[in-house]
Amino acid sequence: MAQGVIPAPQSTPQITGQLRREVGLTSLMFISLGSIIGSGWLLGALLAAQIAGDRSVLRFEGQRTASLLRRGSRFRTDAGQNPEKPPI
C-alpha cells in the first residue's frame, strides 16, 4: 500500500434503531439551497424595512394574517369532510 493512503472504510448497512450520520450529495445540495433561500428571504425583509420603514412591518403583519386565515380555512374544510376523524 502506498504511503499516506488511508483505505476507505467498508460500510455495511446495519439496522440498529439509531439514526445514521451520513449526508449524501443530494442532501447537501438541498441543505445549501434552503440556506440560500432562507438568507434571501431575511435580506429581502431587511431591505424592505430600510426602504419602506413602518409600512413594510404592516405588510408583513397583513401577510401573516392572510396566511393564518388560509390555514384556518383549510383546517375547517378538512374537519368538515371527515367529522369522525379529527384533523390533528
C-alpha atoms as a PDB file:
ATOM      1  CA  MET A   1       0.000   0.000   0.000  1.00  0.00           C
ATOM      2  CA  ALA A   2       1.259   3.465  -0.852  1.00  0.00           C
ATOM      3  CA  GLN A   3       2.431   5.632   1.987  1.00  0.00           C
ATOM      4  CA  GLY A   4      -0.135   8.215   3.163  1.00  0.00           C
ATOM      5  CA  VAL A   5      -3.115   6.435   1.612  1.00  0.00           C
ATOM      6  CA  ILE A   6      -5.904   5.563   4.005  1.00  0.00           C
ATOM      7  CA  PRO A   7      -8.223   2.792   2.824  1.00  0.00           C
ATOM      8  CA  ALA A   8     -11.905   3.648   2.608  1.00  0.00           C
ATOM      9  CA  PRO A   9     -13.977   2.018   5.335  1.00  0.00           C
ATOM     10  CA  GLN A  10     -16.274  -0.738   4.161  1.00  0.00           C
ATOM     11  CA  SER A  11     -19.745   0.307   5.260  1.00  0.00           C
ATOM     12  CA  THR A  12     -22.405  -2.330   5.554  1.00  0.00           C
ATOM     13  CA  PRO A  13     -25.977  -1.319   6.316  1.00  0.00           C
ATOM     14  CA  GLN A  14     -26.835  -2.285   9.858  1.00  0.00           C
ATOM     15  CA  ILE A  15     -30.243  -1.953  11.428  1.00  0.00           C
ATOM     16  CA  THR A  16     -29.593  -0.785  14.969  1.00  0.00           C
ATOM     17  CA  GLY A  17     -32.545   1.524  15.587  1.00  0.00           C
ATOM     18  CA  GLN A  18     -30.310   4.594  15.568  1.00  0.00           C
ATOM     19  CA  LEU A  19     -30.019   7.457  13.143  1.00  0.00           C
ATOM     20  CA  ARG A  20     -27.258   7.293  10.558  1.00  0.00           C
ATOM     21  CA  ARG A  21     -24.746  10.107  10.390  1.00  0.00           C
ATOM     22  CA  GLU A  22     -24.322  10.166   6.634  1.00  0.00           C
ATOM     23  CA  VAL A  23     -25.018  13.069   4.333  1.00  0.00           C
ATOM     24  CA  GLY A  24     -25.111  12.449   0.619  1.00  0.00           C
ATOM     25  CA  LEU A  25     -24.600  14.814  -2.266  1.00  0.00           C
ATOM     26  CA  THR A  26     -28.346  15.326  -2.791  1.00  0.00           C
ATOM     27  CA  SER A  27     -28.883  16.145   0.890  1.00  0.00           C
ATOM     28  CA  LEU A  28     -26.058  18.669   0.839  1.00  0.00           C
ATOM     29  CA  MET A  29     -27.500  20.275  -2.279  1.00  0.00           C
ATOM     30  CA  PHE A  30     -30.931  20.737  -0.677  1.00  0.00           C
ATOM     31  CA  ILE A  31     -29.418  21.995   2.592  1.00  0.00           C
ATOM     32  CA  SER A  32     -27.436  24.638   0.718  1.00  0.00           C
ATOM     33  CA  LEU A  33     -30.451  25.563  -1.419  1.00  0.00           C
ATOM     34  CA  GLY A  34     -32.536  26.032   1.733  1.00  0.00           C
ATOM     35  CA  SER A  35     -29.819  28.222   3.216  1.00  0.00           C
ATOM     36  CA  ILE A  36     -29.705  30.399   0.114  1.00  0.00           C
ATOM     37  CA  ILE A  37     -33.484  30.803   0.023  1.00  0.00           C
ATOM     38  CA  GLY A  38     -33.664  31.454   3.768  1.00  0.00           C
ATOM     39  CA  SER A  39     -30.980  34.123   3.758  1.00  0.00           C
ATOM     40  CA  GLY A  40     -32.537  35.753   0.689  1.00  0.00           C
ATOM     41  CA  TRP A  41     -35.892  35.997   2.469  1.00  0.00           C
ATOM     42  CA  LEU A  42     -34.274  37.608   5.512  1.00  0.00           C
ATOM     43  CA  LEU A  43     -32.231  40.033   3.422  1.00  0.00           C
ATOM     44  CA  GLY A  44     -35.357  40.913   1.418  1.00  0.00           C
ATOM     45  CA  ALA A  45     -37.195  41.757   4.641  1.00  0.00           C
ATOM     46  CA  LEU A  46     -34.259  43.879   5.806  1.00  0.00           C
ATOM     47  CA  LEU A  47     -34.125  45.781   2.524  1.00  0.00           C
ATOM     48  CA  ALA A  48     -37.894  46.341   2.569  1.00  0.00           C
ATOM     49  CA  ALA A  49     -37.713  47.649   6.127  1.00  0.00           C
ATOM     50  CA  GLN A  50     -34.907  50.039   5.201  1.00  0.00           C
ATOM     51  CA  ILE A  51     -36.733  51.386   2.149  1.00  0.00           C
ATOM     52  CA  ALA A  52     -40.368  51.443   3.284  1.00  0.00           C
ATOM     53  CA  GLY A  53     -39.918  51.791   7.022  1.00  0.00           C
ATOM     54  CA  ASP A  54     -43.019  51.095   9.097  1.00  0.00           C
ATOM     55  CA  ARG A  55     -45.149  50.258   6.060  1.00  0.00           C
ATOM     56  CA  SER A  56     -43.133  47.074   5.477  1.00  0.00           C
ATOM     57  CA  VAL A  57     -43.937  45.902   9.014  1.00  0.00           C
ATOM     58  CA  LEU A  58     -47.636  46.456   8.340  1.00  0.00           C
ATOM     59  CA  ARG A  59     -47.379  44.489   5.120  1.00  0.00           C
ATOM     60  CA  PHE A  60     -45.686  41.561   6.846  1.00  0.00           C
ATOM     61  CA  GLU A  61     -48.401  41.567   9.508  1.00  0.00           C
ATOM     62  CA  GLY A  62     -51.045  41.581   6.777  1.00  0.00           C
ATOM     63  CA  GLN A  63     -49.396  38.635   5.050  1.00  0.00           C
ATOM     64  CA  ARG A  64     -49.177  36.757   8.351  1.00  0.00           C
ATOM     65  CA  THR A  65     -52.881  37.349   8.993  1.00  0.00           C
ATOM     66  CA  ALA A  66     -53.805  36.212   5.480  1.00  0.00           C
ATOM     67  CA  SER A  67     -51.689  33.079   5.907  1.00  0.00           C
ATOM     68  CA  LEU A  68     -53.392  32.241   9.217  1.00  0.00           C
ATOM     69  CA  LEU A  69     -56.822  32.743   7.634  1.00  0.00           C
ATOM     70  CA  ARG A  70     -55.903  30.404   4.759  1.00  0.00           C
ATOM     71  CA  ARG A  71     -54.689  27.761   7.204  1.00  0.00           C
ATOM     72  CA  GLY A  72     -57.853  28.112   9.282  1.00  0.00           C
ATOM     73  CA  SER A  73     -59.999  27.764   6.185  1.00  0.00           C
ATOM     74  CA  ARG A  74     -58.118  24.632   5.168  1.00  0.00           C
ATOM     75  CA  PHE A  75     -58.474  23.194   8.671  1.00  0.00           C
ATOM     76  CA  ARG A  76     -62.219  23.910   8.631  1.00  0.00           C
ATOM     77  CA  THR A  77     -62.597  22.242   5.221  1.00  0.00           C
ATOM     78  CA  ASP A  78     -60.679  19.141   6.312  1.00  0.00           C
ATOM     79  CA  ALA A  79     -62.652  18.875   9.547  1.00  0.00           C
ATOM     80  CA  GLY A  80     -65.939  19.175   7.643  1.00  0.00           C
ATOM     81  CA  GLN A  81     -65.031  16.415   5.214  1.00  0.00           C
ATOM     82  CA  ASN A  82     -64.015  13.973   7.959  1.00  0.00           C
ATOM     83  CA  PRO A  83     -66.225  14.664  11.002  1.00  0.00           C
ATOM     84  CA  GLU A  84     -65.493  11.274  12.603  1.00  0.00           C
ATOM     85  CA  LYS A  85     -61.722  11.741  12.483  1.00  0.00           C
ATOM     86  CA  PRO A  86     -60.183  14.934  13.895  1.00  0.00           C
ATOM     87  CA  PRO A  87     -57.616  16.509  11.520  1.00  0.00           C
ATOM     88  CA  ILE A  88     -54.961  16.839  14.231  1.00  0.00           C
END
